[in-house]
């Protein structure tokens, strides 16, 4: 029990001494001493203390031998303290002020990486995703031989997939809304087509395409008589688009089903099927 009390006392004393030292440094007008302690706190991973001192020192050190390093350390302090928004602002200030500085490559990378680390859930606003991608793209243009190129490309692809998923979620929502307060099927088609153009290598490509086909089928099946033929032809066209893109896709049976319904609605003959087989198909569909 006595040992425990002694340990608590020692720890309390150390904390009090540390705080006393820090408060003394804060009040000091010796900027060189403050800078020494700022770097000391940074090395000790006390980033909050380091950034507080450096925010005061950076404007004072402008034009001096400490100017470049102090600005970079300030950005790094916020970065390691996980205040990525503020860190990115200071990284940008650094590489703008020192485009060929000692730490410029790392500052550009961390500006983008901080935004990447601060990306919210896919259902929320993705402004930081676009900003991070732009910063990473600029990094690749400036440092095409950097040892971070592969890492940057991986981050870019990951963010593209996140944006593609956001578009896919919008497509799913439009499809599920159907004709509620308007033709949401058409919105689904437009959004999916645009996503296919924007993210041609996405893992979600097949689902975008099947959502287009599903939407066309729903519109056709609910269409007025005068528009039925035209809209079922759209279904057939999208069926072929799906097959061209994914000849052995996981939604192939579903796609073929929409095709058969469209063919029957148009009173056409399915290629390669006898009249008897077509009749059997009709019976199966009616069950």
C-alpha atoms as a PDB file:
ATOM      1  CA  UNK A   1       0.000   0.000   0.000  1.00  0.00           C
ATOM      2  CA  UNK A   2       2.839   2.358   0.907  1.00  0.00           C
ATOM      3  CA  UNK A   3       4.618   1.542  -2.349  1.00  0.00           C
ATOM      4  CA  UNK A   4       1.467   2.360  -4.322  1.00  0.00           C
ATOM      5  CA  UNK A   5       1.043   5.690  -2.554  1.00  0.00           C
ATOM      6  CA  UNK A   6       4.687   6.475  -3.192  1.00  0.00           C
ATOM      7  CA  UNK A   7       4.320   5.690  -6.912  1.00  0.00           C
ATOM      8  CA  UNK A   8       1.239   7.928  -7.185  1.00  0.00           C
ATOM      9  CA  UNK A   9       3.137  10.715  -5.426  1.00  0.00           C
ATOM     10  CA  UNK A  10       6.141  10.366  -7.740  1.00  0.00           C
ATOM     11  CA  UNK A  11       3.943  10.343 -10.849  1.00  0.00           C
ATOM     12  CA  UNK A  12       2.021  13.388  -9.639  1.00  0.00           C
ATOM     13  CA  UNK A  13       5.274  15.169  -8.957  1.00  0.00           C
ATOM     14  CA  UNK A  14       6.588  14.331 -12.442  1.00  0.00           C
ATOM     15  CA  UNK A  15       3.404  15.568 -14.111  1.00  0.00           C
ATOM     16  CA  UNK A  16       3.450  18.765 -12.060  1.00  0.00           C
ATOM     17  CA  UNK A  17       7.099  19.330 -12.898  1.00  0.00           C
ATOM     18  CA  UNK A  18       6.435  18.676 -16.598  1.00  0.00           C
ATOM     19  CA  UNK A  19       3.460  21.049 -16.661  1.00  0.00           C
ATOM     20  CA  UNK A  20       5.440  23.644 -14.763  1.00  0.00           C
ATOM     21  CA  UNK A  21       8.252  23.387 -17.280  1.00  0.00           C
ATOM     22  CA  UNK A  22       5.858  23.648 -20.218  1.00  0.00           C
ATOM     23  CA  UNK A  23       4.056  26.678 -18.782  1.00  0.00           C
ATOM     24  CA  UNK A  24       7.403  28.348 -18.174  1.00  0.00           C
ATOM     25  CA  UNK A  25       8.416  27.748 -21.800  1.00  0.00           C
ATOM     26  CA  UNK A  26       5.085  29.091 -23.047  1.00  0.00           C
ATOM     27  CA  UNK A  27       5.700  32.397 -21.222  1.00  0.00           C
ATOM     28  CA  UNK A  28       9.310  32.675 -22.315  1.00  0.00           C
ATOM     29  CA  UNK A  29      10.396  35.309 -24.843  1.00  0.00           C
ATOM     30  CA  UNK A  30      13.486  33.301 -25.733  1.00  0.00           C
ATOM     31  CA  UNK A  31      12.429  32.012 -29.137  1.00  0.00           C
ATOM     32  CA  UNK A  32      15.489  29.841 -29.628  1.00  0.00           C
ATOM     33  CA  UNK A  33      14.727  28.108 -26.331  1.00  0.00           C
ATOM     34  CA  UNK A  34      11.088  27.685 -27.355  1.00  0.00           C
ATOM     35  CA  UNK A  35      12.159  26.144 -30.640  1.00  0.00           C
ATOM     36  CA  UNK A  36      14.478  23.738 -28.863  1.00  0.00           C
ATOM     37  CA  UNK A  37      11.595  22.629 -26.657  1.00  0.00           C
ATOM     38  CA  UNK A  38       9.181  22.427 -29.598  1.00  0.00           C
ATOM     39  CA  UNK A  39      11.515  19.927 -31.278  1.00  0.00           C
ATOM     40  CA  UNK A  40      12.005  18.134 -27.965  1.00  0.00           C
ATOM     41  CA  UNK A  41       8.226  17.761 -27.484  1.00  0.00           C
ATOM     42  CA  UNK A  42       7.894  16.601 -31.092  1.00  0.00           C
ATOM     43  CA  UNK A  43      10.518  13.890 -30.540  1.00  0.00           C
ATOM     44  CA  UNK A  44       8.700  12.866 -27.349  1.00  0.00           C
ATOM     45  CA  UNK A  45       5.451  12.608 -29.361  1.00  0.00           C
ATOM     46  CA  UNK A  46       3.848  15.404 -27.368  1.00  0.00           C
ATOM     47  CA  UNK A  47       2.444  16.850 -30.561  1.00  0.00           C
ATOM     48  CA  UNK A  48      -0.115  19.159 -28.926  1.00  0.00           C
ATOM     49  CA  UNK A  49       2.608  20.978 -27.013  1.00  0.00           C
ATOM     50  CA  UNK A  50       4.882  21.066 -30.057  1.00  0.00           C
ATOM     51  CA  UNK A  51       2.200  22.551 -32.309  1.00  0.00           C
ATOM     52  CA  UNK A  52       1.253  25.195 -29.727  1.00  0.00           C
ATOM     53  CA  UNK A  53       4.841  26.430 -29.558  1.00  0.00           C
ATOM     54  CA  UNK A  54       5.400  26.178 -33.303  1.00  0.00           C
ATOM     55  CA  UNK A  55       2.250  28.129 -34.193  1.00  0.00           C
ATOM     56  CA  UNK A  56       3.756  31.054 -32.305  1.00  0.00           C
ATOM     57  CA  UNK A  57       7.232  30.575 -33.741  1.00  0.00           C
ATOM     58  CA  UNK A  58       6.481  30.030 -37.458  1.00  0.00           C
ATOM     59  CA  UNK A  59       5.496  33.660 -38.210  1.00  0.00           C
ATOM     60  CA  UNK A  60       8.391  34.910 -36.068  1.00  0.00           C
ATOM     61  CA  UNK A  61      10.900  32.698 -37.900  1.00  0.00           C
ATOM     62  CA  UNK A  62       9.907  33.849 -41.398  1.00  0.00           C
ATOM     63  CA  UNK A  63      13.031  34.708 -43.345  1.00  0.00           C
ATOM     64  CA  UNK A  64      15.330  33.005 -40.837  1.00  0.00           C
ATOM     65  CA  UNK A  65      17.273  29.754 -40.957  1.00  0.00           C
ATOM     66  CA  UNK A  66      14.501  28.053 -38.916  1.00  0.00           C
ATOM     67  CA  UNK A  67      11.635  29.107 -41.221  1.00  0.00           C
ATOM     68  CA  UNK A  68      11.475  26.038 -43.447  1.00  0.00           C
ATOM     69  CA  UNK A  69      11.969  23.369 -40.800  1.00  0.00           C
ATOM     70  CA  UNK A  70       9.619  25.004 -38.270  1.00  0.00           C
ATOM     71  CA  UNK A  71       6.750  25.161 -40.803  1.00  0.00           C
ATOM     72  CA  UNK A  72       7.217  21.524 -41.762  1.00  0.00           C
ATOM     73  CA  UNK A  73       7.406  20.456 -38.098  1.00  0.00           C
ATOM     74  CA  UNK A  74       4.187  22.357 -37.418  1.00  0.00           C
ATOM     75  CA  UNK A  75       2.408  20.483 -40.219  1.00  0.00           C
ATOM     76  CA  UNK A  76       3.833  17.169 -39.000  1.00  0.00           C
ATOM     77  CA  UNK A  77       2.737  17.906 -35.417  1.00  0.00           C
ATOM     78  CA  UNK A  78      -0.890  18.357 -36.476  1.00  0.00           C
ATOM     79  CA  UNK A  79      -0.612  15.322 -38.761  1.00  0.00           C
ATOM     80  CA  UNK A  80       0.601  13.006 -36.008  1.00  0.00           C
ATOM     81  CA  UNK A  81      -1.976  14.507 -33.644  1.00  0.00           C
ATOM     82  CA  UNK A  82      -4.593  13.374 -36.217  1.00  0.00           C
ATOM     83  CA  UNK A  83      -5.811  16.888 -36.978  1.00  0.00           C
ATOM     84  CA  UNK A  84      -5.565  16.175 -40.697  1.00  0.00           C
ATOM     85  CA  UNK A  85      -7.471  19.238 -41.875  1.00  0.00           C
ATOM     86  CA  UNK A  86      -5.095  21.655 -40.172  1.00  0.00           C
ATOM     87  CA  UNK A  87      -2.084  19.521 -41.094  1.00  0.00           C
ATOM     88  CA  UNK A  88      -3.013  19.621 -44.782  1.00  0.00           C
ATOM     89  CA  UNK A  89      -3.310  23.404 -44.670  1.00  0.00           C
ATOM     90  CA  UNK A  90       0.218  23.708 -43.286  1.00  0.00           C
ATOM     91  CA  UNK A  91       1.644  21.096 -45.676  1.00  0.00           C
ATOM     92  CA  UNK A  92       0.211  23.111 -48.553  1.00  0.00           C
ATOM     93  CA  UNK A  93       1.655  26.281 -47.078  1.00  0.00           C
ATOM     94  CA  UNK A  94       5.023  24.534 -46.896  1.00  0.00           C
ATOM     95  CA  UNK A  95       5.202  23.185 -50.444  1.00  0.00           C
ATOM     96  CA  UNK A  96       3.818  26.456 -51.836  1.00  0.00           C
ATOM     97  CA  UNK A  97       6.452  28.470 -49.987  1.00  0.00           C
ATOM     98  CA  UNK A  98       9.252  25.980 -50.609  1.00  0.00           C
ATOM     99  CA  UNK A  99       8.492  24.237 -53.951  1.00  0.00           C
ATOM    100  CA  UNK A 100      12.014  22.766 -53.974  1.00  0.00           C
ATOM    101  CA  UNK A 101      12.466  22.503 -50.235  1.00  0.00           C
ATOM    102  CA  UNK A 102      14.098  19.732 -48.276  1.00  0.00           C
ATOM    103  CA  UNK A 103      10.732  18.254 -47.218  1.00  0.00           C
ATOM    104  CA  UNK A 104       8.583  19.180 -50.233  1.00  0.00           C
ATOM    105  CA  UNK A 105       8.027  15.642 -51.545  1.00  0.00           C
ATOM    106  CA  UNK A 106       6.925  14.375 -48.139  1.00  0.00           C
ATOM    107  CA  UNK A 107       4.795  17.473 -47.569  1.00  0.00           C
ATOM    108  CA  UNK A 108       2.938  16.894 -50.852  1.00  0.00           C
ATOM    109  CA  UNK A 109       2.426  13.230 -50.041  1.00  0.00           C
ATOM    110  CA  UNK A 110       1.208  13.904 -46.486  1.00  0.00           C
ATOM    111  CA  UNK A 111      -1.134  16.667 -47.656  1.00  0.00           C
ATOM    112  CA  UNK A 112      -2.890  14.098 -49.845  1.00  0.00           C
ATOM    113  CA  UNK A 113      -2.574  11.287 -47.324  1.00  0.00           C
ATOM    114  CA  UNK A 114      -4.053  13.404 -44.525  1.00  0.00           C
ATOM    115  CA  UNK A 115      -7.118  14.094 -46.661  1.00  0.00           C
ATOM    116  CA  UNK A 116      -7.305  10.376 -47.451  1.00  0.00           C
ATOM    117  CA  UNK A 117      -7.218   9.486 -43.736  1.00  0.00           C
ATOM    118  CA  UNK A 118      -9.994  12.016 -43.096  1.00  0.00           C
ATOM    119  CA  UNK A 119     -12.410  10.561 -45.665  1.00  0.00           C
ATOM    120  CA  UNK A 120     -15.850   9.959 -44.087  1.00  0.00           C
ATOM    121  CA  UNK A 121     -18.239   7.059 -44.559  1.00  0.00           C
ATOM    122  CA  UNK A 122     -19.268   6.481 -48.178  1.00  0.00           C
ATOM    123  CA  UNK A 123     -22.816   7.660 -47.424  1.00  0.00           C
ATOM    124  CA  UNK A 124     -21.537  11.119 -46.475  1.00  0.00           C
ATOM    125  CA  UNK A 125     -20.115  13.996 -48.514  1.00  0.00           C
ATOM    126  CA  UNK A 126     -16.960  12.919 -50.372  1.00  0.00           C
ATOM    127  CA  UNK A 127     -15.336  16.331 -50.870  1.00  0.00           C
ATOM    128  CA  UNK A 128     -12.179  15.162 -49.095  1.00  0.00           C
ATOM    129  CA  UNK A 129     -11.991  12.149 -51.410  1.00  0.00           C
ATOM    130  CA  UNK A 130     -11.898  14.387 -54.487  1.00  0.00           C
ATOM    131  CA  UNK A 131      -9.379  16.723 -52.835  1.00  0.00           C
ATOM    132  CA  UNK A 132      -7.136  13.822 -51.838  1.00  0.00           C
ATOM    133  CA  UNK A 133      -7.273  12.349 -55.337  1.00  0.00           C
ATOM    134  CA  UNK A 134      -6.343  15.701 -56.837  1.00  0.00           C
ATOM    135  CA  UNK A 135      -3.376  16.048 -54.455  1.00  0.00           C
ATOM    136  CA  UNK A 136      -2.207  12.495 -55.205  1.00  0.00           C
ATOM    137  CA  UNK A 137      -2.530  13.074 -58.965  1.00  0.00           C
ATOM    138  CA  UNK A 138      -0.374  16.189 -58.671  1.00  0.00           C
ATOM    139  CA  UNK A 139       2.141  14.208 -56.631  1.00  0.00           C
ATOM    140  CA  UNK A 140       2.423  11.610 -59.408  1.00  0.00           C
ATOM    141  CA  UNK A 141       2.934  14.319 -62.019  1.00  0.00           C
ATOM    142  CA  UNK A 142       5.716  15.975 -60.031  1.00  0.00           C
ATOM    143  CA  UNK A 143       7.387  12.820 -58.678  1.00  0.00           C
ATOM    144  CA  UNK A 144       6.862  10.068 -61.283  1.00  0.00           C
ATOM    145  CA  UNK A 145       9.983   8.262 -60.020  1.00  0.00           C
ATOM    146  CA  UNK A 146       9.125   8.438 -56.315  1.00  0.00           C
ATOM    147  CA  UNK A 147       9.273   5.252 -54.249  1.00  0.00           C
ATOM    148  CA  UNK A 148       5.719   6.129 -53.174  1.00  0.00           C
ATOM    149  CA  UNK A 149       4.234   5.862 -56.678  1.00  0.00           C
ATOM    150  CA  UNK A 150       2.740   2.387 -56.206  1.00  0.00           C
ATOM    151  CA  UNK A 151       1.323   3.371 -52.817  1.00  0.00           C
ATOM    152  CA  UNK A 152      -0.253   6.481 -54.310  1.00  0.00           C
ATOM    153  CA  UNK A 153      -1.769   4.468 -57.168  1.00  0.00           C
ATOM    154  CA  UNK A 154      -3.245   2.016 -54.657  1.00  0.00           C
ATOM    155  CA  UNK A 155      -4.822   4.866 -52.690  1.00  0.00           C
ATOM    156  CA  UNK A 156      -6.210   6.398 -55.881  1.00  0.00           C
ATOM    157  CA  UNK A 157      -7.812   3.126 -56.957  1.00  0.00           C
ATOM    158  CA  UNK A 158      -9.264   2.608 -53.481  1.00  0.00           C
ATOM    159  CA  UNK A 159     -10.836   6.062 -53.526  1.00  0.00           C
ATOM    160  CA  UNK A 160     -12.194   5.542 -57.029  1.00  0.00           C
ATOM    161  CA  UNK A 161     -13.871   2.371 -55.805  1.00  0.00           C
ATOM    162  CA  UNK A 162     -15.345   4.287 -52.897  1.00  0.00           C
ATOM    163  CA  UNK A 163     -16.813   6.867 -55.264  1.00  0.00           C
ATOM    164  CA  UNK A 164     -18.080   4.069 -57.526  1.00  0.00           C
ATOM    165  CA  UNK A 165     -19.779   2.453 -54.533  1.00  0.00           C
ATOM    166  CA  UNK A 166     -21.451   5.755 -53.693  1.00  0.00           C
ATOM    167  CA  UNK A 167     -22.830   5.892 -57.243  1.00  0.00           C
ATOM    168  CA  UNK A 168     -23.954   2.274 -56.978  1.00  0.00           C
ATOM    169  CA  UNK A 169     -25.824   3.050 -53.765  1.00  0.00           C
ATOM    170  CA  UNK A 170     -27.570   5.903 -55.582  1.00  0.00           C
ATOM    171  CA  UNK A 171     -28.507   3.541 -58.439  1.00  0.00           C
ATOM    172  CA  UNK A 172     -29.915   0.986 -56.025  1.00  0.00           C
ATOM    173  CA  UNK A 173     -31.957   3.687 -54.333  1.00  0.00           C
ATOM    174  CA  UNK A 174     -33.366   4.977 -57.618  1.00  0.00           C
ATOM    175  CA  UNK A 175     -34.296   1.452 -58.662  1.00  0.00           C
ATOM    176  CA  UNK A 176     -35.996   0.697 -55.342  1.00  0.00           C
ATOM    177  CA  UNK A 177     -37.947   3.967 -55.503  1.00  0.00           C
ATOM    178  CA  UNK A 178     -39.314   2.915 -58.877  1.00  0.00           C
ATOM    179  CA  UNK A 179     -42.066   5.270 -59.997  1.00  0.00           C
ATOM    180  CA  UNK A 180     -42.400   6.995 -56.648  1.00  0.00           C
ATOM    181  CA  UNK A 181     -42.691  10.716 -57.386  1.00  0.00           C
ATOM    182  CA  UNK A 182     -41.353  10.331 -60.907  1.00  0.00           C
ATOM    183  CA  UNK A 183     -39.480   7.912 -63.143  1.00  0.00           C
ATOM    184  CA  UNK A 184     -36.610   6.874 -60.889  1.00  0.00           C
ATOM    185  CA  UNK A 185     -35.818   3.981 -63.240  1.00  0.00           C
ATOM    186  CA  UNK A 186     -34.543   6.484 -65.794  1.00  0.00           C
ATOM    187  CA  UNK A 187     -32.440   8.165 -63.106  1.00  0.00           C
ATOM    188  CA  UNK A 188     -31.007   4.756 -62.271  1.00  0.00           C
ATOM    189  CA  UNK A 189     -30.080   4.178 -65.931  1.00  0.00           C
ATOM    190  CA  UNK A 190     -28.465   7.603 -66.342  1.00  0.00           C
ATOM    191  CA  UNK A 191     -26.478   7.317 -63.099  1.00  0.00           C
ATOM    192  CA  UNK A 192     -25.317   3.777 -63.868  1.00  0.00           C
ATOM    193  CA  UNK A 193     -24.216   4.662 -67.404  1.00  0.00           C
ATOM    194  CA  UNK A 194     -22.275   7.669 -66.189  1.00  0.00           C
ATOM    195  CA  UNK A 195     -20.614   5.529 -63.513  1.00  0.00           C
ATOM    196  CA  UNK A 196     -19.556   2.967 -66.110  1.00  0.00           C
ATOM    197  CA  UNK A 197     -17.863   5.726 -68.095  1.00  0.00           C
ATOM    198  CA  UNK A 198     -16.214   7.282 -65.041  1.00  0.00           C
ATOM    199  CA  UNK A 199     -15.126   4.025 -63.361  1.00  0.00           C
ATOM    200  CA  UNK A 200     -14.526   1.585 -66.249  1.00  0.00           C
ATOM    201  CA  UNK A 201     -12.382  -0.780 -64.139  1.00  0.00           C
ATOM    202  CA  UNK A 202     -14.569  -0.864 -61.042  1.00  0.00           C
ATOM    203  CA  UNK A 203     -15.520  -4.127 -59.398  1.00  0.00           C
ATOM    204  CA  UNK A 204     -19.124  -2.843 -59.472  1.00  0.00           C
ATOM    205  CA  UNK A 205     -19.380  -2.676 -63.286  1.00  0.00           C
ATOM    206  CA  UNK A 206     -21.557  -5.780 -63.595  1.00  0.00           C
ATOM    207  CA  UNK A 207     -24.058  -4.553 -61.043  1.00  0.00           C
ATOM    208  CA  UNK A 208     -24.284  -1.180 -62.784  1.00  0.00           C
ATOM    209  CA  UNK A 209     -25.096  -2.965 -66.043  1.00  0.00           C
ATOM    210  CA  UNK A 210     -27.693  -5.315 -64.579  1.00  0.00           C
ATOM    211  CA  UNK A 211     -29.381  -2.355 -62.870  1.00  0.00           C
ATOM    212  CA  UNK A 212     -29.696  -0.700 -66.269  1.00  0.00           C
ATOM    213  CA  UNK A 213     -31.276  -3.850 -67.676  1.00  0.00           C
ATOM    214  CA  UNK A 214     -33.591  -4.270 -64.668  1.00  0.00           C
ATOM    215  CA  UNK A 215     -34.703  -0.663 -64.959  1.00  0.00           C
ATOM    216  CA  UNK A 216     -35.401  -1.004 -68.680  1.00  0.00           C
ATOM    217  CA  UNK A 217     -37.414  -4.149 -68.011  1.00  0.00           C
ATOM    218  CA  UNK A 218     -39.479  -2.478 -65.265  1.00  0.00           C
ATOM    219  CA  UNK A 219     -40.237   0.505 -67.483  1.00  0.00           C
ATOM    220  CA  UNK A 220     -41.231  -1.769 -70.368  1.00  0.00           C
ATOM    221  CA  UNK A 221     -43.433  -4.033 -68.260  1.00  0.00           C
ATOM    222  CA  UNK A 222     -45.309  -1.014 -66.838  1.00  0.00           C
ATOM    223  CA  UNK A 223     -45.481   0.867 -70.132  1.00  0.00           C
ATOM    224  CA  UNK A 224     -48.548   2.112 -71.970  1.00  0.00           C
ATOM    225  CA  UNK A 225     -49.406   0.098 -75.081  1.00  0.00           C
ATOM    226  CA  UNK A 226     -48.144   2.741 -77.502  1.00  0.00           C
ATOM    227  CA  UNK A 227     -44.633   2.640 -75.970  1.00  0.00           C
ATOM    228  CA  UNK A 228     -44.385  -1.076 -75.173  1.00  0.00           C
ATOM    229  CA  UNK A 229     -42.609  -2.202 -78.339  1.00  0.00           C
ATOM    230  CA  UNK A 230     -40.018   0.561 -78.183  1.00  0.00           C
ATOM    231  CA  UNK A 231     -39.259  -0.099 -74.545  1.00  0.00           C
ATOM    232  CA  UNK A 232     -38.964  -3.868 -74.921  1.00  0.00           C
ATOM    233  CA  UNK A 233     -36.483  -3.250 -77.733  1.00  0.00           C
ATOM    234  CA  UNK A 234     -34.473  -1.254 -75.182  1.00  0.00           C
ATOM    235  CA  UNK A 235     -34.552  -4.334 -72.948  1.00  0.00           C
ATOM    236  CA  UNK A 236     -33.179  -6.487 -75.775  1.00  0.00           C
ATOM    237  CA  UNK A 237     -30.442  -3.943 -76.501  1.00  0.00           C
ATOM    238  CA  UNK A 238     -29.394  -3.816 -72.857  1.00  0.00           C
ATOM    239  CA  UNK A 239     -29.441  -7.609 -72.674  1.00  0.00           C
ATOM    240  CA  UNK A 240     -26.891  -7.745 -75.484  1.00  0.00           C
ATOM    241  CA  UNK A 241     -24.857  -5.026 -73.808  1.00  0.00           C
ATOM    242  CA  UNK A 242     -24.760  -7.103 -70.641  1.00  0.00           C
ATOM    243  CA  UNK A 243     -23.744 -10.279 -72.520  1.00  0.00           C
ATOM    244  CA  UNK A 244     -21.025  -8.454 -74.429  1.00  0.00           C
ATOM    245  CA  UNK A 245     -19.545  -7.154 -71.202  1.00  0.00           C
ATOM    246  CA  UNK A 246     -20.133 -10.230 -69.043  1.00  0.00           C
ATOM    247  CA  UNK A 247     -20.728 -13.334 -71.206  1.00  0.00           C
ATOM    248  CA  UNK A 248     -20.526 -15.564 -68.134  1.00  0.00           C
ATOM    249  CA  UNK A 249     -21.712 -13.003 -65.586  1.00  0.00           C
ATOM    250  CA  UNK A 250     -23.376 -13.903 -62.321  1.00  0.00           C
ATOM    251  CA  UNK A 251     -26.625 -12.235 -63.433  1.00  0.00           C
ATOM    252  CA  UNK A 252     -26.732 -14.007 -66.793  1.00  0.00           C
ATOM    253  CA  UNK A 253     -29.814 -16.119 -66.019  1.00  0.00           C
ATOM    254  CA  UNK A 254     -31.680 -13.032 -64.846  1.00  0.00           C
ATOM    255  CA  UNK A 255     -30.603 -11.128 -67.966  1.00  0.00           C
ATOM    256  CA  UNK A 256     -31.721 -13.990 -70.214  1.00  0.00           C
ATOM    257  CA  UNK A 257     -35.093 -14.034 -68.474  1.00  0.00           C
ATOM    258  CA  UNK A 258     -35.667 -10.358 -69.283  1.00  0.00           C
ATOM    259  CA  UNK A 259     -34.624 -11.038 -72.866  1.00  0.00           C
ATOM    260  CA  UNK A 260     -37.135 -13.881 -73.272  1.00  0.00           C
ATOM    261  CA  UNK A 261     -39.924 -11.739 -71.869  1.00  0.00           C
ATOM    262  CA  UNK A 262     -39.050  -8.926 -74.278  1.00  0.00           C
ATOM    263  CA  UNK A 263     -38.962 -11.285 -77.242  1.00  0.00           C
ATOM    264  CA  UNK A 264     -42.342 -12.731 -76.365  1.00  0.00           C
ATOM    265  CA  UNK A 265     -43.813  -9.262 -75.801  1.00  0.00           C
ATOM    266  CA  UNK A 266     -42.629  -8.280 -79.272  1.00  0.00           C
ATOM    267  CA  UNK A 267     -43.977 -11.541 -80.685  1.00  0.00           C
ATOM    268  CA  UNK A 268     -40.560 -12.486 -81.977  1.00  0.00           C
ATOM    269  CA  UNK A 269     -38.917 -15.881 -82.082  1.00  0.00           C
ATOM    270  CA  UNK A 270     -35.979 -16.525 -79.770  1.00  0.00           C
ATOM    271  CA  UNK A 271     -32.984 -17.494 -81.825  1.00  0.00           C
ATOM    272  CA  UNK A 272     -32.272 -21.219 -81.705  1.00  0.00           C
ATOM    273  CA  UNK A 273     -35.570 -22.190 -79.997  1.00  0.00           C
ATOM    274  CA  UNK A 274     -38.359 -24.291 -81.481  1.00  0.00           C
ATOM    275  CA  UNK A 275     -42.018 -23.316 -81.139  1.00  0.00           C
ATOM    276  CA  UNK A 276     -42.447 -26.096 -78.563  1.00  0.00           C
ATOM    277  CA  UNK A 277     -39.547 -24.798 -76.487  1.00  0.00           C
ATOM    278  CA  UNK A 278     -40.974 -21.298 -76.614  1.00  0.00           C
ATOM    279  CA  UNK A 279     -44.351 -22.603 -75.393  1.00  0.00           C
ATOM    280  CA  UNK A 280     -42.635 -24.395 -72.526  1.00  0.00           C
ATOM    281  CA  UNK A 281     -40.823 -21.180 -71.616  1.00  0.00           C
ATOM    282  CA  UNK A 282     -44.117 -19.344 -71.509  1.00  0.00           C
ATOM    283  CA  UNK A 283     -45.575 -21.951 -69.137  1.00  0.00           C
ATOM    284  CA  UNK A 284     -42.551 -21.676 -66.857  1.00  0.00           C
ATOM    285  CA  UNK A 285     -42.784 -17.882 -66.785  1.00  0.00           C
ATOM    286  CA  UNK A 286     -46.481 -17.968 -65.909  1.00  0.00           C
ATOM    287  CA  UNK A 287     -45.883 -20.172 -62.841  1.00  0.00           C
END
